[in-house]
Amino acid sequence: MKELPKEFIGRGEMRGFHFTLLDATDKAYLYKVDMNGAIYYEAFKRRENTRFGCISYPTGEAFGVWAKTTKDYNKAIAYFEQFNRE
């Protein structure tokens, strides 16, 4: 199973944003997103895409369902920890 990259530049609706992995477990991921100087965080559950043999990064529709975004680092950590308990 191909893991998500530690760093990447977004494409599509996230084009040009810089993503940096802050933490990962077998249940969840936490990324820092730099949107032209505006920093926010994305925490989400690990989702395996068996069709393509990789982990899926959430699309916009996933946020609020199995992914959360916030500008508050401490809140992002809380989301990440919550996903790890589920």
N, C-alpha and C. Protein backbone atom coordinates (compact mmCIF):
# COMPACT_ATOMS: atom_id res chain seq x y z
N MET A 1 0.85 -1.18 0.00
CA MET A 1 0.00 0.00 0.00
C MET A 1 0.90 1.24 0.00
N LYS A 2 0.74 2.06 -1.00
CA LYS A 2 1.54 3.28 -1.11
C LYS A 2 1.04 4.33 -0.12
N GLU A 3 1.95 4.82 0.71
CA GLU A 3 1.61 5.83 1.72
C GLU A 3 1.55 7.22 1.10
N LEU A 4 0.95 8.14 1.83
CA LEU A 4 0.91 9.54 1.40
C LEU A 4 2.32 10.14 1.52
N PRO A 5 2.65 11.09 0.66
CA PRO A 5 3.98 11.71 0.72
C PRO A 5 4.14 12.61 1.95
N LYS A 6 5.39 12.79 2.37
CA LYS A 6 5.67 13.67 3.51
C LYS A 6 5.44 15.14 3.14
N GLU A 7 5.72 15.49 1.90
CA GLU A 7 5.48 16.85 1.40
C GLU A 7 5.01 16.77 -0.04
N PHE A 8 4.10 17.66 -0.40
CA PHE A 8 3.67 17.74 -1.79
C PHE A 8 2.99 19.08 -2.05
N ILE A 9 2.88 19.41 -3.32
CA ILE A 9 2.17 20.61 -3.76
C ILE A 9 0.82 20.15 -4.30
N GLY A 10 -0.24 20.81 -3.85
CA GLY A 10 -1.59 20.42 -4.23
C GLY A 10 -1.88 20.62 -5.72
N ARG A 11 -2.86 19.85 -6.18
CA ARG A 11 -3.35 19.95 -7.55
C ARG A 11 -4.86 20.13 -7.51
N GLY A 12 -5.45 20.41 -8.65
CA GLY A 12 -6.90 20.58 -8.71
C GLY A 12 -7.37 21.73 -7.86
N GLU A 13 -8.38 21.49 -7.02
CA GLU A 13 -8.93 22.55 -6.18
C GLU A 13 -7.93 23.05 -5.14
N MET A 14 -6.88 22.30 -4.87
CA MET A 14 -5.85 22.68 -3.89
C MET A 14 -4.55 23.09 -4.58
N ARG A 15 -4.64 23.44 -5.83
CA ARG A 15 -3.47 23.76 -6.66
C ARG A 15 -2.59 24.85 -6.04
N GLY A 16 -1.31 24.55 -5.94
CA GLY A 16 -0.34 25.51 -5.44
C GLY A 16 -0.15 25.52 -3.93
N PHE A 17 -1.03 24.87 -3.18
CA PHE A 17 -0.89 24.82 -1.73
C PHE A 17 0.23 23.84 -1.38
N HIS A 18 0.98 24.14 -0.31
CA HIS A 18 2.08 23.28 0.12
C HIS A 18 1.64 22.46 1.33
N PHE A 19 1.70 21.15 1.23
CA PHE A 19 1.27 20.22 2.27
C PHE A 19 2.49 19.58 2.91
N THR A 20 2.52 19.55 4.26
CA THR A 20 3.61 18.94 5.00
C THR A 20 3.03 18.00 6.05
N LEU A 21 3.45 16.75 6.03
CA LEU A 21 3.00 15.76 7.01
C LEU A 21 3.61 16.08 8.37
N LEU A 22 2.76 16.21 9.39
CA LEU A 22 3.23 16.46 10.75
C LEU A 22 3.23 15.19 11.59
N ASP A 23 2.25 14.32 11.36
CA ASP A 23 2.15 13.08 12.13
C ASP A 23 1.28 12.09 11.38
N ALA A 24 1.55 10.81 11.60
CA ALA A 24 0.76 9.75 10.96
C ALA A 24 0.79 8.51 11.84
N THR A 25 -0.33 7.81 11.86
CA THR A 25 -0.43 6.53 12.55
C THR A 25 -1.13 5.57 11.60
N ASP A 26 -1.41 4.38 12.08
CA ASP A 26 -2.13 3.41 11.25
C ASP A 26 -3.62 3.75 11.15
N LYS A 27 -4.06 4.82 11.85
CA LYS A 27 -5.47 5.22 11.83
C LYS A 27 -5.73 6.62 11.30
N ALA A 28 -4.72 7.51 11.36
CA ALA A 28 -4.98 8.91 11.02
C ALA A 28 -3.72 9.63 10.55
N TYR A 29 -3.96 10.81 9.93
CA TYR A 29 -2.89 11.68 9.43
C TYR A 29 -3.14 13.11 9.88
N LEU A 30 -2.05 13.86 10.02
CA LEU A 30 -2.13 15.28 10.33
C LEU A 30 -1.17 16.02 9.40
N TYR A 31 -1.72 16.94 8.61
CA TYR A 31 -0.93 17.74 7.67
C TYR A 31 -1.04 19.21 7.99
N LYS A 32 0.05 19.94 7.76
CA LYS A 32 0.05 21.40 7.78
C LYS A 32 -0.10 21.84 6.33
N VAL A 33 -0.97 22.81 6.09
CA VAL A 33 -1.21 23.31 4.74
C VAL A 33 -0.87 24.79 4.70
N ASP A 34 0.03 25.15 3.78
CA ASP A 34 0.41 26.56 3.59
C ASP A 34 -0.26 27.04 2.31
N MET A 35 -1.21 27.94 2.48
CA MET A 35 -1.97 28.48 1.36
C MET A 35 -1.50 29.91 1.13
N ASN A 36 -0.36 30.04 0.45
CA ASN A 36 0.22 31.35 0.17
C ASN A 36 0.43 32.19 1.43
N GLY A 37 0.96 31.56 2.48
CA GLY A 37 1.24 32.24 3.74
C GLY A 37 0.19 32.05 4.81
N ALA A 38 -1.02 31.66 4.46
CA ALA A 38 -2.06 31.34 5.44
C ALA A 38 -1.89 29.86 5.81
N ILE A 39 -1.69 29.60 7.10
CA ILE A 39 -1.43 28.24 7.57
C ILE A 39 -2.70 27.67 8.19
N TYR A 40 -3.01 26.43 7.82
CA TYR A 40 -4.06 25.69 8.50
C TYR A 40 -3.69 24.23 8.53
N TYR A 41 -4.49 23.44 9.24
CA TYR A 41 -4.16 22.04 9.50
C TYR A 41 -5.31 21.15 9.08
N GLU A 42 -4.97 19.97 8.58
CA GLU A 42 -5.97 18.98 8.18
C GLU A 42 -5.66 17.66 8.87
N ALA A 43 -6.64 17.16 9.62
CA ALA A 43 -6.55 15.86 10.27
C ALA A 43 -7.61 14.97 9.63
N PHE A 44 -7.24 13.74 9.35
CA PHE A 44 -8.20 12.85 8.71
C PHE A 44 -7.89 11.38 8.99
N LYS A 45 -8.94 10.57 8.86
CA LYS A 45 -8.79 9.13 9.04
C LYS A 45 -8.05 8.52 7.85
N ARG A 46 -7.33 7.47 8.14
CA ARG A 46 -6.63 6.72 7.09
C ARG A 46 -7.67 5.97 6.27
N ARG A 47 -7.64 6.17 4.96
CA ARG A 47 -8.55 5.48 4.04
C ARG A 47 -7.72 4.80 2.96
N GLU A 48 -7.82 3.47 2.91
CA GLU A 48 -7.08 2.70 1.91
C GLU A 48 -7.90 2.59 0.63
N ASN A 49 -7.28 2.94 -0.48
CA ASN A 49 -7.90 2.82 -1.80
C ASN A 49 -7.36 1.53 -2.42
N THR A 50 -8.11 0.44 -2.26
CA THR A 50 -7.64 -0.86 -2.75
C THR A 50 -7.58 -0.92 -4.27
N ARG A 51 -8.40 -0.14 -4.92
CA ARG A 51 -8.39 -0.13 -6.39
C ARG A 51 -7.05 0.33 -6.94
N PHE A 52 -6.46 1.35 -6.30
CA PHE A 52 -5.20 1.91 -6.77
C PHE A 52 -4.01 1.55 -5.87
N GLY A 53 -4.26 0.82 -4.78
CA GLY A 53 -3.18 0.38 -3.90
C GLY A 53 -2.48 1.51 -3.18
N CYS A 54 -3.28 2.49 -2.71
CA CYS A 54 -2.67 3.64 -2.04
C CYS A 54 -3.61 4.19 -0.96
N ILE A 55 -3.07 5.07 -0.14
CA ILE A 55 -3.87 5.80 0.84
C ILE A 55 -4.45 7.02 0.14
N SER A 56 -5.71 7.32 0.42
CA SER A 56 -6.39 8.46 -0.22
C SER A 56 -6.33 9.70 0.66
N TYR A 57 -5.93 10.82 0.06
CA TYR A 57 -6.03 12.12 0.73
C TYR A 57 -7.48 12.57 0.54
N PRO A 58 -8.12 13.13 1.57
CA PRO A 58 -9.53 13.50 1.43
C PRO A 58 -9.78 14.62 0.42
N THR A 59 -10.89 14.51 -0.28
CA THR A 59 -11.34 15.58 -1.16
C THR A 59 -12.24 16.50 -0.35
N GLY A 60 -12.69 17.58 -0.93
CA GLY A 60 -13.52 18.55 -0.22
C GLY A 60 -14.76 17.94 0.41
N GLU A 61 -15.36 16.94 -0.24
CA GLU A 61 -16.58 16.32 0.27
C GLU A 61 -16.35 15.54 1.57
N ALA A 62 -15.11 15.14 1.85
CA ALA A 62 -14.80 14.34 3.03
C ALA A 62 -14.74 15.17 4.31
N PHE A 63 -14.49 16.48 4.17
CA PHE A 63 -14.35 17.31 5.36
C PHE A 63 -15.69 17.48 6.05
N GLY A 64 -15.66 17.20 7.36
CA GLY A 64 -16.88 17.16 8.15
C GLY A 64 -17.40 15.74 8.30
N VAL A 65 -16.87 14.81 7.50
CA VAL A 65 -17.28 13.41 7.58
C VAL A 65 -16.14 12.58 8.18
N TRP A 66 -15.04 12.39 7.44
CA TRP A 66 -13.88 11.65 7.96
C TRP A 66 -12.61 12.48 7.94
N ALA A 67 -12.77 13.79 7.78
CA ALA A 67 -11.65 14.72 7.78
C ALA A 67 -12.09 16.05 8.40
N LYS A 68 -11.13 16.73 9.05
CA LYS A 68 -11.41 18.03 9.67
C LYS A 68 -10.30 19.01 9.31
N THR A 69 -10.65 20.28 9.22
CA THR A 69 -9.66 21.32 8.96
C THR A 69 -9.85 22.46 9.95
N THR A 70 -8.74 23.08 10.35
CA THR A 70 -8.78 24.18 11.31
C THR A 70 -7.50 25.01 11.20
N LYS A 71 -7.59 26.26 11.62
CA LYS A 71 -6.39 27.11 11.69
C LYS A 71 -5.69 26.95 13.04
N ASP A 72 -6.38 26.34 13.99
CA ASP A 72 -5.88 26.17 15.36
C ASP A 72 -5.10 24.85 15.48
N TYR A 73 -3.79 24.96 15.71
CA TYR A 73 -2.95 23.76 15.81
C TYR A 73 -3.42 22.82 16.91
N ASN A 74 -3.76 23.35 18.09
CA ASN A 74 -4.20 22.51 19.20
C ASN A 74 -5.49 21.77 18.88
N LYS A 75 -6.39 22.43 18.18
CA LYS A 75 -7.63 21.78 17.77
C LYS A 75 -7.32 20.67 16.76
N ALA A 76 -6.37 20.91 15.87
CA ALA A 76 -5.96 19.90 14.89
C ALA A 76 -5.42 18.66 15.59
N ILE A 77 -4.61 18.87 16.63
CA ILE A 77 -4.08 17.75 17.42
C ILE A 77 -5.23 16.98 18.06
N ALA A 78 -6.22 17.70 18.58
CA ALA A 78 -7.38 17.05 19.20
C ALA A 78 -8.15 16.21 18.18
N TYR A 79 -8.34 16.73 16.97
CA TYR A 79 -9.00 15.96 15.91
C TYR A 79 -8.19 14.71 15.59
N PHE A 80 -6.88 14.87 15.44
CA PHE A 80 -5.99 13.76 15.13
C PHE A 80 -6.09 12.68 16.21
N GLU A 81 -6.05 13.08 17.47
CA GLU A 81 -6.16 12.13 18.59
C GLU A 81 -7.52 11.45 18.60
N GLN A 82 -8.58 12.20 18.30
CA GLN A 82 -9.92 11.63 18.23
C GLN A 82 -9.99 10.54 17.16
N PHE A 83 -9.45 10.83 15.97
CA PHE A 83 -9.46 9.83 14.89
C PHE A 83 -8.66 8.59 15.28
N ASN A 84 -7.62 8.75 16.07
CA ASN A 84 -6.83 7.61 16.51
C ASN A 84 -7.55 6.75 17.53
N ARG A 85 -8.50 7.33 18.26
CA ARG A 85 -9.28 6.57 19.24
C ARG A 85 -10.43 5.81 18.59
N GLU A 86 -10.85 6.24 17.42
CA GLU A 86 -12.02 5.62 16.76
C GLU A 86 -11.66 4.31 16.08
